[in-house]
N, C-alpha and C. Protein backbone atom coordinates (compact mmCIF):
# COMPACT_ATOMS: atom_id res chain seq x y z
N UNK A 1 -3.36 23.60 -36.94
CA UNK A 1 -4.17 22.84 -37.87
C UNK A 1 -5.06 21.87 -37.08
N UNK A 2 -6.32 21.80 -37.45
CA UNK A 2 -7.24 20.87 -36.81
C UNK A 2 -7.01 19.47 -37.35
N UNK A 3 -7.27 18.47 -36.51
CA UNK A 3 -7.21 17.10 -36.96
C UNK A 3 -8.27 16.90 -38.04
N UNK A 4 -7.88 16.27 -39.12
CA UNK A 4 -8.82 16.03 -40.21
C UNK A 4 -8.40 14.79 -41.00
N UNK A 5 -9.27 14.31 -41.81
CA UNK A 5 -9.03 13.13 -42.64
C UNK A 5 -8.96 13.59 -44.10
N UNK A 6 -7.93 13.15 -44.82
CA UNK A 6 -7.76 13.53 -46.22
C UNK A 6 -7.85 12.29 -47.11
N UNK A 7 -8.80 12.25 -48.04
CA UNK A 7 -8.86 11.13 -48.97
C UNK A 7 -7.61 11.09 -49.84
N UNK A 8 -7.07 9.89 -50.05
CA UNK A 8 -5.90 9.69 -50.91
C UNK A 8 -6.29 8.67 -51.96
N UNK A 9 -6.32 9.10 -53.22
CA UNK A 9 -6.79 8.28 -54.32
C UNK A 9 -5.63 7.76 -55.15
N UNK A 10 -5.73 6.53 -55.61
CA UNK A 10 -4.69 5.93 -56.44
C UNK A 10 -5.24 5.65 -57.83
N UNK A 11 -4.42 5.94 -58.84
CA UNK A 11 -4.83 5.81 -60.24
C UNK A 11 -3.80 4.99 -61.01
N UNK A 12 -4.25 4.34 -62.06
CA UNK A 12 -3.37 3.60 -62.97
C UNK A 12 -2.87 4.53 -64.07
N UNK A 13 -1.97 5.44 -63.73
CA UNK A 13 -1.40 6.33 -64.74
C UNK A 13 -2.29 7.49 -65.13
N UNK A 14 -3.40 7.70 -64.47
CA UNK A 14 -4.35 8.77 -64.83
C UNK A 14 -4.44 9.85 -63.75
N UNK A 15 -3.48 9.90 -62.84
CA UNK A 15 -3.56 10.84 -61.73
C UNK A 15 -3.60 12.29 -62.20
N UNK A 16 -2.70 12.67 -63.09
CA UNK A 16 -2.67 14.06 -63.57
C UNK A 16 -4.02 14.44 -64.18
N UNK A 17 -4.53 13.56 -65.04
CA UNK A 17 -5.81 13.82 -65.71
C UNK A 17 -6.96 13.90 -64.70
N UNK A 18 -6.99 12.96 -63.77
CA UNK A 18 -8.07 12.93 -62.78
C UNK A 18 -8.02 14.14 -61.85
N UNK A 19 -6.85 14.46 -61.33
CA UNK A 19 -6.76 15.57 -60.38
C UNK A 19 -7.01 16.91 -61.07
N UNK A 20 -6.60 17.04 -62.33
CA UNK A 20 -6.90 18.26 -63.09
C UNK A 20 -8.40 18.38 -63.31
N UNK A 21 -9.05 17.25 -63.57
CA UNK A 21 -10.51 17.22 -63.70
C UNK A 21 -11.17 17.64 -62.38
N UNK A 22 -10.71 17.09 -61.25
CA UNK A 22 -11.29 17.45 -59.95
C UNK A 22 -11.07 18.93 -59.65
N UNK A 23 -9.91 19.47 -60.03
CA UNK A 23 -9.67 20.89 -59.84
C UNK A 23 -10.64 21.72 -60.66
N UNK A 24 -10.88 21.32 -61.91
CA UNK A 24 -11.83 22.04 -62.76
C UNK A 24 -13.24 21.97 -62.18
N UNK A 25 -13.58 20.85 -61.56
CA UNK A 25 -14.91 20.68 -60.97
C UNK A 25 -15.08 21.42 -59.66
N UNK A 26 -14.06 21.36 -58.81
CA UNK A 26 -14.19 21.82 -57.43
C UNK A 26 -13.44 23.12 -57.13
N UNK A 27 -12.57 23.54 -58.04
CA UNK A 27 -11.76 24.72 -57.81
C UNK A 27 -10.56 24.39 -56.93
N UNK A 28 -9.81 25.40 -56.57
CA UNK A 28 -8.69 25.21 -55.67
C UNK A 28 -7.34 25.20 -56.35
N UNK A 29 -6.32 24.97 -55.53
CA UNK A 29 -4.93 24.94 -55.99
C UNK A 29 -4.45 23.50 -56.04
N UNK A 30 -3.86 23.12 -57.17
CA UNK A 30 -3.38 21.75 -57.37
C UNK A 30 -1.87 21.75 -57.50
N UNK A 31 -1.21 20.90 -56.72
CA UNK A 31 0.23 20.68 -56.89
C UNK A 31 0.44 19.23 -57.32
N UNK A 32 1.37 19.04 -58.24
CA UNK A 32 1.69 17.72 -58.77
C UNK A 32 3.20 17.51 -58.69
N UNK A 33 3.62 16.35 -58.20
CA UNK A 33 5.03 15.99 -58.17
C UNK A 33 5.22 14.72 -58.98
N UNK A 34 6.04 14.81 -60.04
CA UNK A 34 6.31 13.64 -60.86
C UNK A 34 7.31 12.72 -60.16
N UNK A 35 7.25 11.44 -60.47
CA UNK A 35 8.20 10.48 -59.92
C UNK A 35 9.62 10.86 -60.30
N UNK A 36 9.81 11.40 -61.51
CA UNK A 36 11.14 11.81 -61.97
C UNK A 36 11.76 12.88 -61.07
N UNK A 37 10.94 13.62 -60.34
CA UNK A 37 11.43 14.67 -59.45
C UNK A 37 11.82 14.15 -58.07
N UNK A 38 11.73 12.84 -57.89
CA UNK A 38 12.05 12.23 -56.59
C UNK A 38 13.38 11.46 -56.71
N UNK A 39 13.95 11.04 -55.57
CA UNK A 39 15.19 10.26 -55.61
C UNK A 39 15.07 8.97 -56.43
N UNK A 40 13.89 8.37 -56.48
CA UNK A 40 13.74 7.12 -57.23
C UNK A 40 13.62 7.35 -58.74
N UNK A 41 13.49 8.60 -59.16
CA UNK A 41 13.31 8.91 -60.57
C UNK A 41 14.44 8.42 -61.46
N UNK A 42 15.67 8.48 -60.97
CA UNK A 42 16.83 8.06 -61.77
C UNK A 42 16.83 6.56 -62.04
N UNK A 43 16.11 5.80 -61.24
CA UNK A 43 16.09 4.34 -61.37
C UNK A 43 14.99 3.85 -62.31
N UNK A 44 14.15 4.74 -62.79
CA UNK A 44 12.99 4.35 -63.59
C UNK A 44 13.09 4.88 -65.02
N UNK A 45 12.29 4.31 -65.89
CA UNK A 45 12.24 4.76 -67.28
C UNK A 45 11.65 6.17 -67.33
N UNK A 46 11.87 6.84 -68.47
CA UNK A 46 11.30 8.18 -68.65
C UNK A 46 9.79 8.13 -68.57
N UNK A 47 9.18 7.09 -69.12
CA UNK A 47 7.72 6.95 -69.07
C UNK A 47 7.22 6.85 -67.63
N UNK A 48 7.87 5.99 -66.85
CA UNK A 48 7.48 5.84 -65.44
C UNK A 48 7.74 7.13 -64.67
N UNK A 49 8.81 7.83 -65.01
CA UNK A 49 9.14 9.08 -64.33
C UNK A 49 8.11 10.17 -64.52
N UNK A 50 7.34 10.10 -65.59
CA UNK A 50 6.30 11.10 -65.83
C UNK A 50 5.03 10.85 -65.05
N UNK A 51 4.91 9.68 -64.43
CA UNK A 51 3.75 9.40 -63.58
C UNK A 51 3.83 10.27 -62.32
N UNK A 52 2.69 10.44 -61.69
CA UNK A 52 2.60 11.33 -60.52
C UNK A 52 2.88 10.56 -59.23
N UNK A 53 3.89 11.04 -58.50
CA UNK A 53 4.24 10.47 -57.20
C UNK A 53 3.25 10.96 -56.14
N UNK A 54 2.93 12.25 -56.20
CA UNK A 54 2.02 12.82 -55.20
C UNK A 54 1.32 14.03 -55.80
N UNK A 55 0.03 14.13 -55.54
CA UNK A 55 -0.75 15.31 -55.94
C UNK A 55 -1.57 15.76 -54.74
N UNK A 56 -1.87 17.06 -54.73
CA UNK A 56 -2.60 17.63 -53.59
C UNK A 56 -3.49 18.76 -54.11
N UNK A 57 -4.78 18.62 -53.92
CA UNK A 57 -5.75 19.65 -54.29
C UNK A 57 -6.32 20.25 -53.01
N UNK A 58 -6.22 21.59 -52.90
CA UNK A 58 -6.75 22.29 -51.72
C UNK A 58 -7.68 23.41 -52.18
N UNK A 59 -8.82 23.47 -51.51
CA UNK A 59 -9.78 24.56 -51.75
C UNK A 59 -10.56 24.76 -50.46
N UNK A 60 -10.16 25.76 -49.68
CA UNK A 60 -10.78 25.96 -48.37
C UNK A 60 -10.54 24.73 -47.50
N UNK A 61 -11.62 24.19 -46.94
CA UNK A 61 -11.51 23.00 -46.09
C UNK A 61 -11.44 21.71 -46.90
N UNK A 62 -11.65 21.81 -48.23
CA UNK A 62 -11.61 20.63 -49.08
C UNK A 62 -10.16 20.25 -49.36
N UNK A 63 -9.84 18.98 -49.19
CA UNK A 63 -8.49 18.49 -49.45
C UNK A 63 -8.59 17.11 -50.08
N UNK A 64 -7.88 16.91 -51.18
CA UNK A 64 -7.89 15.65 -51.91
C UNK A 64 -6.48 15.38 -52.39
N UNK A 65 -5.97 14.17 -52.13
CA UNK A 65 -4.63 13.81 -52.55
C UNK A 65 -4.68 12.56 -53.42
N UNK A 66 -3.62 12.34 -54.20
CA UNK A 66 -3.60 11.16 -55.04
C UNK A 66 -2.24 10.89 -55.64
N UNK A 67 -2.12 9.71 -56.27
CA UNK A 67 -0.89 9.32 -56.95
C UNK A 67 -1.20 8.26 -58.00
N UNK A 68 -0.19 7.99 -58.84
CA UNK A 68 -0.28 6.87 -59.78
C UNK A 68 0.27 5.64 -59.09
N UNK A 69 -0.44 4.54 -59.18
CA UNK A 69 0.02 3.29 -58.58
C UNK A 69 1.07 2.66 -59.48
N UNK A 70 2.12 2.21 -58.88
CA UNK A 70 3.17 1.50 -59.61
C UNK A 70 3.11 0.03 -59.18
N UNK A 71 3.69 -0.84 -59.96
CA UNK A 71 3.73 -2.25 -59.58
C UNK A 71 2.42 -2.94 -59.82
N UNK A 72 1.79 -3.41 -58.76
CA UNK A 72 0.57 -4.23 -58.86
C UNK A 72 -0.61 -3.45 -59.44
N UNK A 73 -0.64 -2.15 -59.29
CA UNK A 73 -1.73 -1.37 -59.84
C UNK A 73 -2.94 -1.31 -58.93
N UNK A 74 -3.96 -0.69 -59.43
CA UNK A 74 -5.18 -0.47 -58.67
C UNK A 74 -6.24 -1.47 -59.09
N UNK A 75 -6.95 -1.99 -58.12
CA UNK A 75 -8.09 -2.86 -58.39
C UNK A 75 -9.32 -2.06 -58.01
N UNK A 76 -10.21 -1.85 -58.98
CA UNK A 76 -11.43 -1.10 -58.68
C UNK A 76 -12.31 -1.89 -57.75
N UNK A 77 -12.88 -1.18 -56.82
CA UNK A 77 -13.77 -1.82 -55.87
C UNK A 77 -14.71 -0.81 -55.27
N UNK A 78 -15.50 -1.27 -54.34
CA UNK A 78 -16.46 -0.38 -53.72
C UNK A 78 -16.09 -0.07 -52.28
N UNK A 79 -14.82 -0.21 -51.94
CA UNK A 79 -14.41 -0.01 -50.56
C UNK A 79 -14.26 1.46 -50.18
N UNK A 80 -14.25 2.36 -51.14
CA UNK A 80 -14.10 3.78 -50.83
C UNK A 80 -15.15 4.60 -51.58
N UNK A 81 -15.82 5.48 -50.88
CA UNK A 81 -16.73 6.45 -51.48
C UNK A 81 -16.37 7.81 -50.90
N UNK A 82 -16.30 8.82 -51.74
CA UNK A 82 -16.00 10.17 -51.29
C UNK A 82 -17.31 10.89 -51.00
N UNK A 83 -17.45 11.44 -49.80
CA UNK A 83 -18.66 12.17 -49.42
C UNK A 83 -18.31 13.65 -49.38
N UNK A 84 -18.94 14.43 -50.24
CA UNK A 84 -18.69 15.85 -50.33
C UNK A 84 -19.90 16.59 -49.75
N UNK A 85 -19.71 17.19 -48.57
CA UNK A 85 -20.77 17.95 -47.92
C UNK A 85 -20.67 19.40 -48.39
N UNK A 86 -21.65 19.83 -49.13
CA UNK A 86 -21.63 21.14 -49.79
C UNK A 86 -22.24 22.22 -48.89
N UNK A 87 -21.89 23.48 -49.22
CA UNK A 87 -22.34 24.59 -48.37
C UNK A 87 -23.54 25.34 -48.94
N UNK A 88 -24.06 24.92 -50.08
CA UNK A 88 -25.21 25.60 -50.63
C UNK A 88 -25.84 24.83 -51.78
N UNK A 89 -27.06 25.24 -52.13
CA UNK A 89 -27.81 24.57 -53.18
C UNK A 89 -27.12 24.71 -54.54
N UNK A 90 -26.67 25.91 -54.87
CA UNK A 90 -26.00 26.11 -56.16
C UNK A 90 -24.69 25.32 -56.21
N UNK A 91 -23.96 25.29 -55.10
CA UNK A 91 -22.69 24.57 -55.06
C UNK A 91 -22.89 23.08 -55.32
N UNK A 92 -23.86 22.44 -54.66
CA UNK A 92 -24.07 21.01 -54.86
C UNK A 92 -24.47 20.73 -56.31
N UNK A 93 -25.30 21.59 -56.89
CA UNK A 93 -25.73 21.38 -58.28
C UNK A 93 -24.55 21.54 -59.26
N UNK A 94 -23.72 22.53 -59.01
CA UNK A 94 -22.55 22.74 -59.86
C UNK A 94 -21.58 21.58 -59.75
N UNK A 95 -21.22 21.19 -58.53
CA UNK A 95 -20.28 20.08 -58.33
C UNK A 95 -20.83 18.79 -58.91
N UNK A 96 -22.12 18.52 -58.70
CA UNK A 96 -22.72 17.28 -59.19
C UNK A 96 -22.66 17.24 -60.72
N UNK A 97 -22.98 18.34 -61.35
CA UNK A 97 -22.96 18.41 -62.81
C UNK A 97 -21.55 18.19 -63.35
N UNK A 98 -20.58 18.85 -62.75
CA UNK A 98 -19.20 18.74 -63.23
C UNK A 98 -18.64 17.35 -63.00
N UNK A 99 -18.83 16.80 -61.80
CA UNK A 99 -18.27 15.49 -61.48
C UNK A 99 -18.91 14.37 -62.28
N UNK A 100 -20.17 14.51 -62.62
CA UNK A 100 -20.86 13.44 -63.36
C UNK A 100 -20.58 13.49 -64.86
N UNK A 101 -19.97 14.57 -65.35
CA UNK A 101 -19.66 14.69 -66.78
C UNK A 101 -18.71 13.56 -67.20
N UNK A 102 -19.17 12.70 -68.08
CA UNK A 102 -18.37 11.56 -68.53
C UNK A 102 -18.46 10.36 -67.62
N UNK A 103 -19.20 10.48 -66.54
CA UNK A 103 -19.38 9.39 -65.59
C UNK A 103 -20.79 8.86 -65.62
N UNK A 104 -21.24 8.35 -64.48
CA UNK A 104 -22.58 7.76 -64.41
C UNK A 104 -23.27 8.22 -63.13
N UNK A 105 -24.47 8.76 -63.28
CA UNK A 105 -25.27 9.15 -62.12
C UNK A 105 -25.90 7.89 -61.54
N UNK A 106 -25.68 7.66 -60.25
CA UNK A 106 -26.27 6.51 -59.55
C UNK A 106 -27.61 6.92 -58.96
N UNK A 107 -27.60 8.03 -58.23
CA UNK A 107 -28.82 8.59 -57.63
C UNK A 107 -28.86 10.07 -57.98
N UNK A 108 -29.82 10.50 -58.78
CA UNK A 108 -29.90 11.93 -59.12
C UNK A 108 -30.09 12.78 -57.87
N UNK A 109 -29.70 14.05 -57.96
CA UNK A 109 -29.93 14.96 -56.84
C UNK A 109 -31.42 15.02 -56.54
N UNK A 110 -31.74 14.91 -55.26
CA UNK A 110 -33.14 14.95 -54.83
C UNK A 110 -33.20 15.36 -53.36
N UNK A 111 -34.38 15.70 -52.90
CA UNK A 111 -34.59 16.02 -51.50
C UNK A 111 -34.78 14.70 -50.76
N UNK A 112 -33.84 14.35 -49.90
CA UNK A 112 -33.88 13.06 -49.20
C UNK A 112 -34.85 13.09 -48.02
N UNK A 113 -35.19 11.92 -47.53
CA UNK A 113 -36.11 11.83 -46.39
C UNK A 113 -35.50 12.40 -45.12
N UNK A 114 -34.17 12.50 -45.04
CA UNK A 114 -33.54 13.06 -43.85
C UNK A 114 -33.35 14.57 -43.97
N UNK A 115 -33.84 15.17 -45.06
CA UNK A 115 -33.87 16.62 -45.16
C UNK A 115 -32.78 17.25 -46.00
N UNK A 116 -31.81 16.49 -46.43
CA UNK A 116 -30.71 17.03 -47.22
C UNK A 116 -30.95 16.84 -48.71
N UNK A 117 -30.40 17.73 -49.51
CA UNK A 117 -30.32 17.48 -50.95
C UNK A 117 -29.18 16.48 -51.12
N UNK A 118 -29.42 15.40 -51.85
CA UNK A 118 -28.46 14.30 -51.92
C UNK A 118 -28.43 13.70 -53.32
N UNK A 119 -27.25 13.28 -53.74
CA UNK A 119 -27.08 12.55 -54.99
C UNK A 119 -25.80 11.75 -54.95
N UNK A 120 -25.72 10.75 -55.81
CA UNK A 120 -24.55 9.88 -55.85
C UNK A 120 -24.19 9.62 -57.31
N UNK A 121 -22.88 9.55 -57.57
CA UNK A 121 -22.40 9.33 -58.93
C UNK A 121 -21.07 8.61 -58.92
N UNK A 122 -20.73 8.02 -60.05
CA UNK A 122 -19.39 7.49 -60.29
C UNK A 122 -18.79 8.35 -61.38
N UNK A 123 -17.62 8.95 -61.12
CA UNK A 123 -17.03 9.84 -62.12
C UNK A 123 -16.33 9.03 -63.21
N UNK A 124 -15.81 9.71 -64.20
CA UNK A 124 -15.21 9.04 -65.35
C UNK A 124 -13.92 8.30 -65.01
N UNK A 125 -13.42 8.45 -63.79
CA UNK A 125 -12.23 7.73 -63.34
C UNK A 125 -12.58 6.57 -62.42
N UNK A 126 -13.89 6.30 -62.26
CA UNK A 126 -14.33 5.17 -61.45
C UNK A 126 -14.48 5.46 -59.98
N UNK A 127 -14.33 6.72 -59.56
CA UNK A 127 -14.49 7.09 -58.16
C UNK A 127 -15.96 7.36 -57.88
N UNK A 128 -16.47 6.83 -56.76
CA UNK A 128 -17.85 7.05 -56.37
C UNK A 128 -17.92 8.23 -55.41
N UNK A 129 -18.85 9.13 -55.66
CA UNK A 129 -19.05 10.34 -54.87
C UNK A 129 -20.48 10.39 -54.34
N UNK A 130 -20.64 10.76 -53.08
CA UNK A 130 -21.94 11.10 -52.49
C UNK A 130 -21.87 12.60 -52.22
N UNK A 131 -22.82 13.35 -52.74
CA UNK A 131 -22.87 14.79 -52.49
C UNK A 131 -24.10 15.09 -51.66
N UNK A 132 -23.92 15.94 -50.65
CA UNK A 132 -25.00 16.24 -49.73
C UNK A 132 -24.97 17.72 -49.37
N UNK A 133 -26.17 18.30 -49.23
CA UNK A 133 -26.31 19.66 -48.73
C UNK A 133 -27.50 19.69 -47.78
N UNK A 134 -27.21 19.98 -46.51
CA UNK A 134 -28.26 20.10 -45.49
C UNK A 134 -28.32 21.56 -45.05
N UNK A 135 -29.50 22.14 -45.07
CA UNK A 135 -29.68 23.56 -44.74
C UNK A 135 -29.62 23.82 -43.26
N UNK A 136 -29.01 23.26 -42.43
CA UNK A 136 -28.96 23.48 -40.98
C UNK A 136 -29.92 24.50 -40.49
């Protein structure tokens, strides 16, 4: 396996919904592990046990992981942006359309001054995405 970086996203009880949405947008295989399926599951309420301890979406070289935050919860901020480098014009348009559904387009897809097709959006879960396609 090559060294790589995998984004890990935290949600306030919306991990299953968010990761299922990302799978529908990006394709791939999604695995979900509930907190109830872990050793700590017996110590928590049934409601807490249904939250997601770990999720993993894989599609080719694309990898995205996430979980539901327990305790203090998640504070939305601008410290993380996901950059998705696409392999074709149709792919970037499809992903951009799917990810922006229910969210907000920040920068519509356009031909950037550096030569790439580029756009930015915030999805319906508050995650910011930059999508780029450069024709090498």
